[in-house]
Amino acid sequence: RGIRRSISAQSEKNWCAREIRSQLSELTDSTMGIIGFGATGRALAKRASAFDMRVVAVDLYSMDKPEFVEELWGIDQLHYLLRISDYVVVMVPYT
């Protein structure tokens, strides 16, 4: 992602935005898949939706889907979540 190069350039008082721009990606209109939809997973989903991300999630337990989540499935749909997500975040205990 160009982090080392950016830090090195920054120490030389040089901002190399053009050089790293091609390595960056836009969050808007991308899909975030969240594995584990407890309090922390819900908080992340709410913030991701504020970036206009499509948010999908799986959880072991059945619950009502909040309005800021497009889909909320049981764990049996994990394979599908992994296939359609641009970013996957694991929000389960002991990870």
N, C-alpha and C. Protein backbone atom coordinates (compact mmCIF):
# COMPACT_ATOMS: atom_id res chain seq x y z
N ARG A 1 0.81 -1.20 0.00
CA ARG A 1 0.00 0.00 0.00
C ARG A 1 0.84 1.26 0.00
N GLY A 2 2.14 1.13 0.00
CA GLY A 2 2.99 2.30 -0.09
C GLY A 2 3.24 3.01 1.23
N ILE A 3 2.95 2.34 2.34
CA ILE A 3 3.09 3.00 3.64
C ILE A 3 4.56 3.32 3.94
N ARG A 4 5.43 2.35 3.73
CA ARG A 4 6.86 2.60 4.00
C ARG A 4 7.40 3.73 3.13
N ARG A 5 7.03 3.71 1.86
CA ARG A 5 7.49 4.76 0.95
C ARG A 5 6.96 6.12 1.39
N SER A 6 5.71 6.16 1.82
CA SER A 6 5.11 7.42 2.26
C SER A 6 5.79 7.95 3.51
N ILE A 7 6.08 7.06 4.46
CA ILE A 7 6.75 7.48 5.70
C ILE A 7 8.14 7.99 5.39
N SER A 8 8.84 7.28 4.51
CA SER A 8 10.19 7.72 4.13
C SER A 8 10.15 9.09 3.45
N ALA A 9 9.23 9.27 2.53
CA ALA A 9 9.10 10.56 1.84
C ALA A 9 8.70 11.65 2.81
N GLN A 10 7.84 11.33 3.75
CA GLN A 10 7.39 12.32 4.73
C GLN A 10 8.55 12.80 5.60
N SER A 11 9.45 11.89 5.97
CA SER A 11 10.60 12.30 6.78
C SER A 11 11.53 13.23 6.01
N GLU A 12 11.43 13.17 4.68
CA GLU A 12 12.21 14.08 3.83
C GLU A 12 11.40 15.31 3.44
N LYS A 13 10.25 15.50 4.14
CA LYS A 13 9.35 16.63 3.90
C LYS A 13 8.81 16.63 2.46
N ASN A 14 8.50 15.44 1.98
CA ASN A 14 7.96 15.27 0.64
C ASN A 14 6.67 14.47 0.73
N TRP A 15 5.58 15.02 0.23
CA TRP A 15 4.31 14.30 0.24
C TRP A 15 4.11 13.70 -1.15
N CYS A 16 4.10 12.39 -1.24
CA CYS A 16 4.06 11.72 -2.55
C CYS A 16 2.65 11.19 -2.85
N ALA A 17 1.68 12.05 -2.78
CA ALA A 17 0.28 11.64 -2.98
C ALA A 17 0.04 11.02 -4.35
N ARG A 18 0.62 11.60 -5.37
CA ARG A 18 0.39 11.06 -6.73
C ARG A 18 0.93 9.65 -6.88
N GLU A 19 2.07 9.40 -6.27
CA GLU A 19 2.70 8.09 -6.42
C GLU A 19 1.89 6.98 -5.74
N ILE A 20 1.23 7.29 -4.63
CA ILE A 20 0.50 6.24 -3.92
C ILE A 20 -0.98 6.20 -4.27
N ARG A 21 -1.47 7.18 -4.97
CA ARG A 21 -2.91 7.26 -5.27
C ARG A 21 -3.43 5.99 -5.96
N SER A 22 -2.65 5.43 -6.86
CA SER A 22 -3.12 4.23 -7.59
C SER A 22 -3.26 3.02 -6.67
N GLN A 23 -2.62 3.06 -5.51
CA GLN A 23 -2.69 1.94 -4.57
C GLN A 23 -3.83 2.09 -3.56
N LEU A 24 -4.51 3.23 -3.58
CA LEU A 24 -5.60 3.48 -2.65
C LEU A 24 -6.92 3.06 -3.28
N SER A 25 -7.89 2.75 -2.45
CA SER A 25 -9.20 2.40 -2.98
C SER A 25 -10.27 3.21 -2.25
N GLU A 26 -11.36 3.42 -2.93
CA GLU A 26 -12.48 4.20 -2.41
C GLU A 26 -13.41 3.28 -1.62
N LEU A 27 -13.80 3.71 -0.43
CA LEU A 27 -14.74 2.91 0.37
C LEU A 27 -16.16 3.01 -0.15
N THR A 28 -16.52 4.18 -0.66
CA THR A 28 -17.87 4.40 -1.17
C THR A 28 -18.21 3.37 -2.25
N ASP A 29 -19.38 2.80 -2.16
CA ASP A 29 -19.90 1.81 -3.11
C ASP A 29 -19.19 0.45 -3.06
N SER A 30 -18.31 0.24 -2.09
CA SER A 30 -17.73 -1.08 -1.92
C SER A 30 -18.53 -1.84 -0.87
N THR A 31 -18.27 -3.12 -0.74
CA THR A 31 -19.03 -3.97 0.17
C THR A 31 -18.16 -4.42 1.33
N MET A 32 -18.64 -4.16 2.55
CA MET A 32 -17.98 -4.65 3.75
C MET A 32 -18.77 -5.82 4.31
N GLY A 33 -18.10 -6.94 4.49
CA GLY A 33 -18.70 -8.10 5.12
C GLY A 33 -18.23 -8.20 6.55
N ILE A 34 -19.17 -8.31 7.47
CA ILE A 34 -18.83 -8.38 8.89
C ILE A 34 -19.20 -9.76 9.42
N ILE A 35 -18.22 -10.44 9.99
CA ILE A 35 -18.44 -11.75 10.59
C ILE A 35 -18.54 -11.53 12.09
N GLY A 36 -19.73 -11.70 12.63
CA GLY A 36 -19.99 -11.43 14.04
C GLY A 36 -20.70 -10.10 14.19
N PHE A 37 -21.95 -10.13 14.58
CA PHE A 37 -22.75 -8.91 14.59
C PHE A 37 -23.23 -8.57 16.00
N GLY A 38 -22.28 -8.63 16.94
CA GLY A 38 -22.56 -8.17 18.30
C GLY A 38 -22.47 -6.64 18.35
N ALA A 39 -22.31 -6.10 19.53
CA ALA A 39 -22.28 -4.64 19.70
C ALA A 39 -21.17 -3.98 18.88
N THR A 40 -19.99 -4.58 18.87
CA THR A 40 -18.87 -4.00 18.12
C THR A 40 -19.10 -4.11 16.62
N GLY A 41 -19.61 -5.24 16.16
CA GLY A 41 -19.93 -5.41 14.75
C GLY A 41 -20.99 -4.44 14.28
N ARG A 42 -22.01 -4.22 15.11
CA ARG A 42 -23.06 -3.24 14.77
C ARG A 42 -22.51 -1.83 14.71
N ALA A 43 -21.63 -1.48 15.65
CA ALA A 43 -21.03 -0.14 15.66
C ALA A 43 -20.21 0.08 14.39
N LEU A 44 -19.44 -0.93 13.99
CA LEU A 44 -18.66 -0.83 12.76
C LEU A 44 -19.57 -0.69 11.54
N ALA A 45 -20.64 -1.48 11.50
CA ALA A 45 -21.57 -1.43 10.38
C ALA A 45 -22.18 -0.04 10.23
N LYS A 46 -22.53 0.56 11.33
CA LYS A 46 -23.12 1.90 11.29
C LYS A 46 -22.13 2.91 10.70
N ARG A 47 -20.88 2.81 11.10
CA ARG A 47 -19.86 3.73 10.58
C ARG A 47 -19.56 3.46 9.11
N ALA A 48 -19.51 2.20 8.73
CA ALA A 48 -19.25 1.86 7.32
C ALA A 48 -20.38 2.36 6.44
N SER A 49 -21.60 2.27 6.91
CA SER A 49 -22.72 2.76 6.10
C SER A 49 -22.67 4.27 5.94
N ALA A 50 -22.05 4.97 6.89
CA ALA A 50 -21.89 6.42 6.76
C ALA A 50 -20.95 6.78 5.61
N PHE A 51 -20.09 5.83 5.21
CA PHE A 51 -19.21 6.01 4.05
C PHE A 51 -19.89 5.52 2.77
N ASP A 52 -21.19 5.28 2.83
CA ASP A 52 -21.96 4.76 1.70
C ASP A 52 -21.45 3.40 1.23
N MET A 53 -20.99 2.60 2.18
CA MET A 53 -20.61 1.23 1.87
C MET A 53 -21.85 0.35 1.96
N ARG A 54 -21.86 -0.68 1.16
CA ARG A 54 -22.89 -1.72 1.29
C ARG A 54 -22.40 -2.64 2.40
N VAL A 55 -23.21 -2.85 3.43
CA VAL A 55 -22.80 -3.65 4.58
C VAL A 55 -23.64 -4.92 4.63
N VAL A 56 -22.95 -6.06 4.69
CA VAL A 56 -23.59 -7.35 4.88
C VAL A 56 -22.92 -8.02 6.08
N ALA A 57 -23.66 -8.87 6.77
CA ALA A 57 -23.10 -9.48 7.97
C ALA A 57 -23.65 -10.88 8.18
N VAL A 58 -22.88 -11.69 8.91
CA VAL A 58 -23.34 -12.99 9.37
C VAL A 58 -23.14 -13.08 10.87
N ASP A 59 -24.00 -13.85 11.52
CA ASP A 59 -23.88 -14.05 12.96
C ASP A 59 -24.45 -15.42 13.31
N LEU A 60 -24.00 -15.96 14.43
CA LEU A 60 -24.51 -17.25 14.89
C LEU A 60 -25.97 -17.16 15.32
N TYR A 61 -26.36 -16.00 15.82
CA TYR A 61 -27.69 -15.84 16.40
C TYR A 61 -28.58 -15.02 15.48
N SER A 62 -29.82 -15.39 15.43
CA SER A 62 -30.78 -14.66 14.61
C SER A 62 -31.21 -13.38 15.33
N MET A 63 -31.34 -12.29 14.59
CA MET A 63 -31.74 -11.00 15.16
C MET A 63 -32.35 -10.14 14.08
N ASP A 64 -33.01 -9.07 14.47
CA ASP A 64 -33.58 -8.13 13.50
C ASP A 64 -32.47 -7.37 12.79
N LYS A 65 -32.65 -7.14 11.51
CA LYS A 65 -31.66 -6.42 10.69
C LYS A 65 -31.87 -4.92 10.86
N PRO A 66 -30.81 -4.21 11.30
CA PRO A 66 -30.92 -2.75 11.38
C PRO A 66 -31.00 -2.13 9.99
N GLU A 67 -31.50 -0.92 9.90
CA GLU A 67 -31.68 -0.26 8.60
C GLU A 67 -30.37 0.05 7.89
N PHE A 68 -29.27 0.17 8.63
CA PHE A 68 -27.99 0.50 8.00
C PHE A 68 -27.25 -0.73 7.48
N VAL A 69 -27.85 -1.90 7.55
CA VAL A 69 -27.27 -3.13 7.03
C VAL A 69 -28.16 -3.64 5.90
N GLU A 70 -27.51 -3.95 4.78
CA GLU A 70 -28.30 -4.43 3.63
C GLU A 70 -28.80 -5.86 3.83
N GLU A 71 -27.91 -6.72 4.34
CA GLU A 71 -28.28 -8.12 4.56
C GLU A 71 -27.67 -8.59 5.87
N LEU A 72 -28.41 -9.39 6.61
CA LEU A 72 -27.93 -10.02 7.83
C LEU A 72 -28.36 -11.49 7.78
N TRP A 73 -27.36 -12.37 7.66
CA TRP A 73 -27.63 -13.79 7.48
C TRP A 73 -27.13 -14.60 8.68
N GLY A 74 -27.54 -15.85 8.69
CA GLY A 74 -26.97 -16.80 9.63
C GLY A 74 -25.59 -17.22 9.14
N ILE A 75 -24.85 -17.89 10.00
CA ILE A 75 -23.47 -18.28 9.69
C ILE A 75 -23.40 -19.22 8.48
N ASP A 76 -24.51 -19.85 8.13
CA ASP A 76 -24.52 -20.75 6.97
C ASP A 76 -24.28 -20.00 5.66
N GLN A 77 -24.39 -18.68 5.67
CA GLN A 77 -24.14 -17.87 4.47
C GLN A 77 -22.75 -17.24 4.45
N LEU A 78 -21.86 -17.70 5.34
CA LEU A 78 -20.50 -17.15 5.41
C LEU A 78 -19.80 -17.24 4.06
N HIS A 79 -19.94 -18.35 3.37
CA HIS A 79 -19.28 -18.52 2.06
C HIS A 79 -19.73 -17.45 1.07
N TYR A 80 -21.00 -17.10 1.10
CA TYR A 80 -21.52 -16.08 0.20
C TYR A 80 -21.00 -14.69 0.59
N LEU A 81 -20.99 -14.40 1.90
CA LEU A 81 -20.44 -13.12 2.37
C LEU A 81 -19.00 -12.95 1.89
N LEU A 82 -18.20 -14.00 2.03
CA LEU A 82 -16.80 -13.93 1.61
C LEU A 82 -16.67 -13.70 0.11
N ARG A 83 -17.56 -14.25 -0.66
CA ARG A 83 -17.50 -14.11 -2.11
C ARG A 83 -17.85 -12.69 -2.57
N ILE A 84 -18.81 -12.04 -1.93
CA ILE A 84 -19.29 -10.75 -2.43
C ILE A 84 -18.63 -9.54 -1.78
N SER A 85 -17.84 -9.75 -0.73
CA SER A 85 -17.29 -8.62 0.03
C SER A 85 -15.96 -8.14 -0.54
N ASP A 86 -15.81 -6.81 -0.59
CA ASP A 86 -14.52 -6.21 -0.94
C ASP A 86 -13.61 -6.18 0.29
N TYR A 87 -14.21 -6.00 1.45
CA TYR A 87 -13.50 -5.97 2.73
C TYR A 87 -14.23 -6.90 3.68
N VAL A 88 -13.49 -7.70 4.43
CA VAL A 88 -14.08 -8.61 5.42
C VAL A 88 -13.46 -8.30 6.77
N VAL A 89 -14.33 -8.13 7.77
CA VAL A 89 -13.89 -7.83 9.12
C VAL A 89 -14.42 -8.92 10.05
N VAL A 90 -13.53 -9.50 10.84
CA VAL A 90 -13.92 -10.53 11.80
C VAL A 90 -14.11 -9.88 13.16
N MET A 91 -15.34 -9.94 13.67
CA MET A 91 -15.68 -9.27 14.93
C MET A 91 -16.27 -10.28 15.91
N VAL A 92 -15.56 -11.38 16.10
CA VAL A 92 -16.05 -12.42 17.00
C VAL A 92 -15.14 -12.48 18.22
N PRO A 93 -15.63 -13.01 19.34
CA PRO A 93 -14.81 -13.08 20.55
C PRO A 93 -13.52 -13.87 20.33
N TYR A 94 -12.48 -13.43 21.00
CA TYR A 94 -11.18 -14.11 21.01
C TYR A 94 -10.49 -14.15 19.66
N THR A 95 -10.67 -13.07 18.86
CA THR A 95 -9.95 -13.00 17.59
C THR A 95 -8.87 -11.95 17.65
